[in-house]
Amino acid sequence: MVAKAGHTVKVLITGVGMVATAARCAHALASERYDLAINVGLCGSFNPRLTPGTVVHVASDRLPELGAQDGDAFLTIYDLQLLGQDEFPFQGGMLINAAPPVIPAISSLPAVAGITVNTVHGNSDAIARVVERFNPDVESMEGAAFMYACLIHDVPFAQVRAVSNVVERRNRPAWKIGEALRALVAVTRDIVSEA
């Protein structure tokens, strides 16, 4: 716990992936009421305008792997009629931040559409398929889990991520993790000071 800009800020490191994020966020949000939750992390970019080092506000997120394979076809949970596309907390098959906090440091960021995956994309065919199906701007391994937890607990939230790499065949030398982290830290400081 840290006092910053007149606020009490609690930092929760969830770990990597949806399962850890969902479990830790659900536990934290069920244990105490928060005025605001901010998820910060890195992401990969499908959108050529979102180059490494760009910080974004993920305003909507999806779970593109949640479903079933049927031969070469993929059936979403909505295709399988296991969940309605507008069944809470989903809207049109997405988790949407309909009321992001009014904080200039967040409002000034590009609002983007994300997907949350268990396996980050690194295969050209798989990348083309997910872009065709969902047209995401970015991908992460945690974002939708965080958004889901905040929506069901009715806590105002924002998912803020810095692009560390282009989504392409795995190309570690092209990743800009240091640059992305520096940009993310600067924006996070602004968010806390403006909240």
Protein backbone atom coordinates (compact mmCIF):
# COMPACT_ATOMS: atom_id res chain seq x y z
CA MET A 1 0.00 0.00 0.00
CA VAL A 2 1.32 3.41 -0.99
CA ALA A 3 0.00 6.92 -0.40
CA LYS A 4 0.23 8.88 -3.67
CA ALA A 5 -1.34 12.20 -4.67
CA GLY A 6 -3.78 12.03 -1.75
CA HIS A 7 -4.89 8.49 -2.58
CA THR A 8 -4.22 5.15 -1.02
CA VAL A 9 -2.88 3.00 -3.83
CA LYS A 10 -2.78 -0.77 -3.47
CA VAL A 11 -0.66 -2.67 -5.95
CA LEU A 12 -1.71 -6.18 -6.92
CA ILE A 13 0.64 -8.24 -9.05
CA THR A 14 -1.64 -10.89 -10.49
CA GLY A 15 0.88 -13.00 -12.35
CA VAL A 16 0.77 -14.02 -15.99
CA GLY A 17 -2.39 -15.21 -17.69
CA MET A 18 -6.15 -15.17 -17.35
CA VAL A 19 -6.47 -17.73 -14.57
CA ALA A 20 -4.10 -15.98 -12.17
CA THR A 21 -5.57 -12.57 -13.03
CA ALA A 22 -9.18 -13.68 -12.63
CA ALA A 23 -8.52 -15.39 -9.31
CA ARG A 24 -6.45 -12.61 -7.78
CA CYS A 25 -8.70 -9.77 -9.02
CA ALA A 26 -11.85 -11.55 -7.87
CA HIS A 27 -10.34 -12.11 -4.43
CA ALA A 28 -9.17 -8.50 -4.09
CA LEU A 29 -12.47 -7.01 -5.29
CA ALA A 30 -14.54 -9.29 -3.06
CA SER A 31 -12.42 -8.44 -0.01
CA GLU A 32 -12.62 -4.66 -0.19
CA ARG A 33 -14.46 -1.90 -2.04
CA TYR A 34 -12.31 0.20 -4.38
CA ASP A 35 -13.06 3.55 -5.97
CA LEU A 36 -11.07 2.69 -9.07
CA ALA A 37 -9.10 -0.24 -10.51
CA ILE A 38 -6.39 0.22 -13.12
CA ASN A 39 -4.81 -2.70 -14.96
CA VAL A 40 -1.41 -1.84 -16.42
CA GLY A 41 0.68 -4.12 -18.55
CA LEU A 42 2.17 -4.80 -21.94
CA CYS A 43 0.51 -5.95 -25.14
CA GLY A 44 1.23 -6.91 -28.71
CA SER A 45 -0.19 -4.84 -31.56
CA PHE A 46 -2.07 -6.01 -34.66
CA ASN A 47 -2.62 -2.38 -35.71
CA PRO A 48 0.32 -0.89 -37.66
CA ARG A 49 -0.50 2.58 -36.26
CA LEU A 50 0.14 1.29 -32.73
CA THR A 51 3.90 0.95 -32.77
CA PRO A 52 6.03 -0.31 -29.86
CA GLY A 53 6.09 2.27 -27.07
CA THR A 54 2.52 3.43 -27.72
CA VAL A 55 0.30 3.39 -24.61
CA VAL A 56 -3.37 2.56 -25.15
CA HIS A 57 -6.64 2.33 -23.27
CA VAL A 58 -8.25 -1.04 -24.01
CA ALA A 59 -11.92 -0.02 -24.11
CA SER A 60 -13.25 -3.42 -25.21
CA ASP A 61 -11.88 -6.93 -24.93
CA ARG A 62 -12.81 -10.41 -26.11
CA LEU A 63 -12.01 -14.04 -25.33
CA PRO A 64 -11.38 -15.37 -28.86
CA GLU A 65 -10.26 -18.85 -27.78
CA LEU A 66 -13.33 -19.62 -25.67
CA GLY A 67 -15.30 -22.16 -27.66
CA ALA A 68 -14.80 -25.41 -29.56
CA GLN A 69 -13.04 -26.69 -32.63
CA ASP A 70 -15.25 -28.39 -35.20
CA GLY A 71 -12.85 -29.77 -37.78
CA ASP A 72 -11.28 -26.71 -39.38
CA ALA A 73 -14.00 -24.41 -38.03
CA PHE A 74 -14.02 -22.64 -34.69
CA LEU A 75 -17.29 -22.25 -32.76
CA THR A 76 -17.49 -19.48 -30.17
CA ILE A 77 -19.36 -19.92 -26.90
CA TYR A 78 -22.12 -17.90 -28.56
CA ASP A 79 -22.22 -20.24 -31.57
CA LEU A 80 -22.49 -23.13 -29.11
CA GLN A 81 -25.33 -21.30 -27.32
CA LEU A 82 -23.56 -21.67 -23.99
CA LEU A 83 -23.76 -17.93 -23.43
CA GLY A 84 -25.73 -15.13 -25.03
CA GLN A 85 -23.73 -12.36 -26.72
CA ASP A 86 -25.49 -9.83 -24.48
CA GLU A 87 -25.49 -11.92 -21.33
CA PHE A 88 -23.93 -9.93 -18.47
CA PRO A 89 -21.16 -8.88 -18.36
CA PHE A 90 -20.87 -9.18 -22.17
CA GLN A 91 -22.26 -6.74 -24.72
CA GLY A 92 -22.26 -7.95 -28.29
CA GLY A 93 -19.83 -10.67 -27.31
CA MET A 94 -17.38 -8.18 -25.81
CA LEU A 95 -16.43 -6.89 -22.40
CA ILE A 96 -16.84 -3.13 -22.74
CA ASN A 97 -15.71 -0.29 -20.52
CA ALA A 98 -18.78 1.88 -21.12
CA ALA A 99 -17.85 4.39 -18.41
CA PRO A 100 -14.08 4.77 -18.14
CA PRO A 101 -12.82 7.07 -15.40
CA VAL A 102 -12.67 10.73 -16.41
CA ILE A 103 -8.93 11.17 -16.03
CA PRO A 104 -7.10 13.20 -18.69
CA ALA A 105 -4.16 10.77 -18.78
CA ILE A 106 -6.59 7.99 -19.76
CA SER A 107 -8.85 10.07 -22.00
CA SER A 108 -5.86 11.17 -24.06
CA LEU A 109 -4.86 7.58 -24.90
CA PRO A 110 -6.03 5.83 -28.06
CA ALA A 111 -9.08 3.71 -27.18
CA VAL A 112 -8.59 0.28 -28.72
CA ALA A 113 -10.19 -3.14 -29.05
CA GLY A 114 -8.30 -6.01 -27.46
CA ILE A 115 -8.33 -9.76 -27.29
CA THR A 116 -7.12 -11.79 -24.34
CA VAL A 117 -5.45 -15.10 -25.14
CA ASN A 118 -3.76 -18.01 -23.42
CA THR A 119 -1.30 -18.38 -26.27
CA VAL A 120 0.04 -15.20 -27.84
CA HIS A 121 -0.03 -15.25 -31.61
CA GLY A 122 3.15 -16.08 -33.51
CA ASN A 123 1.84 -17.99 -36.53
CA SER A 124 0.95 -16.11 -39.71
CA ASP A 125 -2.13 -18.22 -40.47
CA ALA A 126 -3.47 -17.93 -36.91
CA ILE A 127 -2.85 -14.17 -36.93
CA ALA A 128 -4.75 -13.79 -40.20
CA ARG A 129 -7.68 -15.84 -38.83
CA VAL A 130 -8.01 -13.88 -35.59
CA VAL A 131 -7.75 -10.55 -37.43
CA GLU A 132 -10.44 -11.68 -39.87
CA ARG A 133 -12.75 -12.87 -37.07
CA PHE A 134 -12.31 -10.04 -34.56
CA ASN A 135 -10.18 -7.24 -36.05
CA PRO A 136 -8.40 -6.56 -32.74
CA ASP A 137 -5.94 -3.74 -32.23
CA VAL A 138 -3.98 -5.45 -29.44
CA GLU A 139 -3.66 -8.69 -27.51
CA SER A 140 -2.75 -9.48 -23.93
CA MET A 141 -2.90 -12.50 -21.65
CA GLU A 142 -4.77 -10.84 -18.76
CA GLY A 143 -6.97 -7.92 -19.83
CA ALA A 144 -10.38 -9.58 -20.26
CA ALA A 145 -10.05 -11.35 -16.92
CA PHE A 146 -9.46 -8.02 -15.19
CA MET A 147 -12.36 -6.36 -17.02
CA TYR A 148 -14.71 -9.26 -16.24
CA ALA A 149 -13.88 -9.05 -12.52
CA CYS A 150 -14.41 -5.27 -12.43
CA LEU A 151 -17.71 -5.49 -14.31
CA ILE A 152 -19.20 -8.15 -12.03
CA HIS A 153 -18.02 -6.24 -8.93
CA ASP A 154 -19.26 -2.89 -10.34
CA VAL A 155 -15.91 -1.17 -9.84
CA PRO A 156 -14.89 1.68 -12.19
CA PHE A 157 -11.83 0.60 -14.13
CA ALA A 158 -9.43 1.13 -17.00
CA GLN A 159 -7.14 -1.28 -18.78
CA VAL A 160 -3.99 0.58 -19.82
CA ARG A 161 -1.31 -1.17 -21.84
CA ALA A 162 1.90 -0.30 -23.63
CA VAL A 163 2.71 -1.95 -26.93
CA SER A 164 5.93 -3.94 -26.63
CA ASN A 165 5.83 -5.67 -30.00
CA VAL A 166 4.04 -6.15 -33.29
CA VAL A 167 2.01 -9.36 -33.43
CA GLU A 168 3.91 -11.43 -35.98
CA ARG A 169 5.93 -14.61 -36.14
CA ARG A 170 7.95 -14.60 -32.91
CA ASN A 171 10.68 -11.97 -33.33
CA ARG A 172 12.25 -11.22 -29.94
CA PRO A 173 14.97 -8.90 -31.31
CA ALA A 174 12.23 -6.52 -32.53
CA TRP A 175 10.52 -6.29 -29.14
CA LYS A 176 10.81 -2.94 -27.34
CA ILE A 177 10.04 -3.98 -23.78
CA GLY A 178 12.20 -1.31 -22.13
CA GLU A 179 10.67 1.47 -24.24
CA ALA A 180 7.16 0.16 -23.56
CA LEU A 181 7.75 -0.06 -19.81
CA ARG A 182 9.15 3.47 -19.63
CA ALA A 183 6.10 4.84 -21.47
CA LEU A 184 3.73 2.79 -19.29
CA VAL A 185 5.35 4.02 -16.06
CA ALA A 186 5.07 7.65 -17.18
CA VAL A 187 1.37 7.29 -18.04
CA THR A 188 0.64 5.38 -14.83
CA ARG A 189 2.21 8.18 -12.77
CA ASP A 190 0.04 10.72 -14.60
CA ILE A 191 -3.10 8.63 -13.99
CA VAL A 192 -2.42 8.39 -10.26
CA SER A 193 -1.62 12.09 -9.93
CA GLU A 194 -4.73 13.12 -11.90
CA ALA A 195 -7.20 10.71 -10.27
